[in-house]
């Protein structure tokens, strides 16, 4: 069940968040919902993912993620082993 939530935030923060959401093909509501979901499950999943994955979490949209392949230079860069 979805419920409306009212937040009071700095106008510049709201503008920036809306732009981020638009650039990532997501709604601002979805970003906020995901943020709160991650807060509540962070302790449970903390050990599941390596630090790099945690750092990159949320940066790539689902649509972009589906388009990536191991032949993509960005993926090769992320997956490369440290020399």
C-alpha atoms as a PDB file:
ATOM      1  CA  UNK A   1       0.000   0.000   0.000  1.00  0.00           C
ATOM      2  CA  UNK A   2       1.430   3.353  -0.978  1.00  0.00           C
ATOM      3  CA  UNK A   3       1.125   6.309   1.378  1.00  0.00           C
ATOM      4  CA  UNK A   4       1.916   9.943   0.730  1.00  0.00           C
ATOM      5  CA  UNK A   5       4.873  11.435   2.639  1.00  0.00           C
ATOM      6  CA  UNK A   6       5.608  15.136   2.982  1.00  0.00           C
ATOM      7  CA  UNK A   7       9.238  16.199   3.441  1.00  0.00           C
ATOM      8  CA  UNK A   8      10.690  19.618   4.119  1.00  0.00           C
ATOM      9  CA  UNK A   9      14.003  20.065   2.320  1.00  0.00           C
ATOM     10  CA  UNK A  10      16.122  22.915   1.092  1.00  0.00           C
ATOM     11  CA  UNK A  11      14.876  24.073  -2.310  1.00  0.00           C
ATOM     12  CA  UNK A  12      18.319  23.590  -3.897  1.00  0.00           C
ATOM     13  CA  UNK A  13      18.452  20.004  -2.605  1.00  0.00           C
ATOM     14  CA  UNK A  14      15.042  19.267  -4.112  1.00  0.00           C
ATOM     15  CA  UNK A  15      16.041  20.764  -7.457  1.00  0.00           C
ATOM     16  CA  UNK A  16      19.260  18.752  -7.510  1.00  0.00           C
ATOM     17  CA  UNK A  17      17.466  15.537  -6.519  1.00  0.00           C
ATOM     18  CA  UNK A  18      14.838  16.009  -9.234  1.00  0.00           C
ATOM     19  CA  UNK A  19      17.554  16.543 -11.828  1.00  0.00           C
ATOM     20  CA  UNK A  20      19.407  13.431 -10.632  1.00  0.00           C
ATOM     21  CA  UNK A  21      16.207  11.384 -10.789  1.00  0.00           C
ATOM     22  CA  UNK A  22      15.417  12.622 -14.295  1.00  0.00           C
ATOM     23  CA  UNK A  23      18.946  11.911 -15.530  1.00  0.00           C
ATOM     24  CA  UNK A  24      18.667   8.381 -14.173  1.00  0.00           C
ATOM     25  CA  UNK A  25      15.181   7.695 -15.562  1.00  0.00           C
ATOM     26  CA  UNK A  26      13.678   7.335 -12.092  1.00  0.00           C
ATOM     27  CA  UNK A  27      11.101   9.200 -10.098  1.00  0.00           C
ATOM     28  CA  UNK A  28      12.060  11.178  -7.043  1.00  0.00           C
ATOM     29  CA  UNK A  29       9.620   9.063  -5.039  1.00  0.00           C
ATOM     30  CA  UNK A  30      11.395   5.889  -6.168  1.00  0.00           C
ATOM     31  CA  UNK A  31      14.788   7.322  -5.171  1.00  0.00           C
ATOM     32  CA  UNK A  32      13.513   8.196  -1.700  1.00  0.00           C
ATOM     33  CA  UNK A  33      11.823   4.802  -1.315  1.00  0.00           C
ATOM     34  CA  UNK A  34      15.011   2.989  -2.349  1.00  0.00           C
ATOM     35  CA  UNK A  35      17.029   5.118   0.063  1.00  0.00           C
ATOM     36  CA  UNK A  36      14.835   4.119   2.998  1.00  0.00           C
ATOM     37  CA  UNK A  37      14.808   0.465   1.929  1.00  0.00           C
ATOM     38  CA  UNK A  38      18.598   0.506   1.836  1.00  0.00           C
ATOM     39  CA  UNK A  39      18.750   2.074   5.297  1.00  0.00           C
ATOM     40  CA  UNK A  40      16.618  -0.649   6.822  1.00  0.00           C
ATOM     41  CA  UNK A  41      18.437  -3.513   5.118  1.00  0.00           C
ATOM     42  CA  UNK A  42      21.982  -2.099   5.226  1.00  0.00           C
ATOM     43  CA  UNK A  43      23.010  -4.062   8.310  1.00  0.00           C
ATOM     44  CA  UNK A  44      21.684  -7.311   6.896  1.00  0.00           C
ATOM     45  CA  UNK A  45      23.391  -6.990   3.507  1.00  0.00           C
ATOM     46  CA  UNK A  46      26.552  -5.231   4.678  1.00  0.00           C
ATOM     47  CA  UNK A  47      28.785  -8.288   4.272  1.00  0.00           C
ATOM     48  CA  UNK A  48      27.210  -9.515   1.020  1.00  0.00           C
ATOM     49  CA  UNK A  49      28.837  -7.027  -1.343  1.00  0.00           C
ATOM     50  CA  UNK A  50      32.452  -5.924  -1.811  1.00  0.00           C
ATOM     51  CA  UNK A  51      33.222  -2.243  -1.065  1.00  0.00           C
ATOM     52  CA  UNK A  52      33.410  -1.316  -4.764  1.00  0.00           C
ATOM     53  CA  UNK A  53      29.887  -2.594  -5.367  1.00  0.00           C
ATOM     54  CA  UNK A  54      28.578  -0.656  -2.352  1.00  0.00           C
ATOM     55  CA  UNK A  55      30.294   2.479  -3.628  1.00  0.00           C
ATOM     56  CA  UNK A  56      28.779   2.124  -7.103  1.00  0.00           C
ATOM     57  CA  UNK A  57      25.317   1.134  -5.890  1.00  0.00           C
ATOM     58  CA  UNK A  58      22.625   3.375  -7.376  1.00  0.00           C
ATOM     59  CA  UNK A  59      24.907   5.069  -9.901  1.00  0.00           C
ATOM     60  CA  UNK A  60      23.844   2.967 -12.892  1.00  0.00           C
ATOM     61  CA  UNK A  61      20.167   2.776 -13.755  1.00  0.00           C
ATOM     62  CA  UNK A  62      18.533  -0.604 -14.356  1.00  0.00           C
ATOM     63  CA  UNK A  63      18.075   0.216 -18.047  1.00  0.00           C
ATOM     64  CA  UNK A  64      21.762   1.061 -18.449  1.00  0.00           C
ATOM     65  CA  UNK A  65      22.756  -2.023 -16.484  1.00  0.00           C
ATOM     66  CA  UNK A  66      20.789  -4.261 -18.844  1.00  0.00           C
ATOM     67  CA  UNK A  67      22.682  -2.773 -21.802  1.00  0.00           C
ATOM     68  CA  UNK A  68      26.144  -3.519 -20.396  1.00  0.00           C
ATOM     69  CA  UNK A  69      28.226  -6.505 -21.395  1.00  0.00           C
ATOM     70  CA  UNK A  70      31.627  -7.778 -20.298  1.00  0.00           C
ATOM     71  CA  UNK A  71      32.995  -6.415 -23.584  1.00  0.00           C
ATOM     72  CA  UNK A  72      32.056  -2.872 -22.570  1.00  0.00           C
ATOM     73  CA  UNK A  73      35.150  -0.812 -21.718  1.00  0.00           C
ATOM     74  CA  UNK A  74      33.478   0.561 -18.578  1.00  0.00           C
ATOM     75  CA  UNK A  75      32.802  -2.961 -17.314  1.00  0.00           C
ATOM     76  CA  UNK A  76      36.357  -4.037 -18.116  1.00  0.00           C
ATOM     77  CA  UNK A  77      37.649  -1.040 -16.163  1.00  0.00           C
ATOM     78  CA  UNK A  78      35.531  -1.844 -13.110  1.00  0.00           C
ATOM     79  CA  UNK A  79      36.340  -5.561 -13.185  1.00  0.00           C
ATOM     80  CA  UNK A  80      40.065  -5.211 -13.792  1.00  0.00           C
ATOM     81  CA  UNK A  81      42.337  -6.636 -11.155  1.00  0.00           C
ATOM     82  CA  UNK A  82      44.695  -4.360  -9.299  1.00  0.00           C
ATOM     83  CA  UNK A  83      48.260  -4.816 -10.487  1.00  0.00           C
END
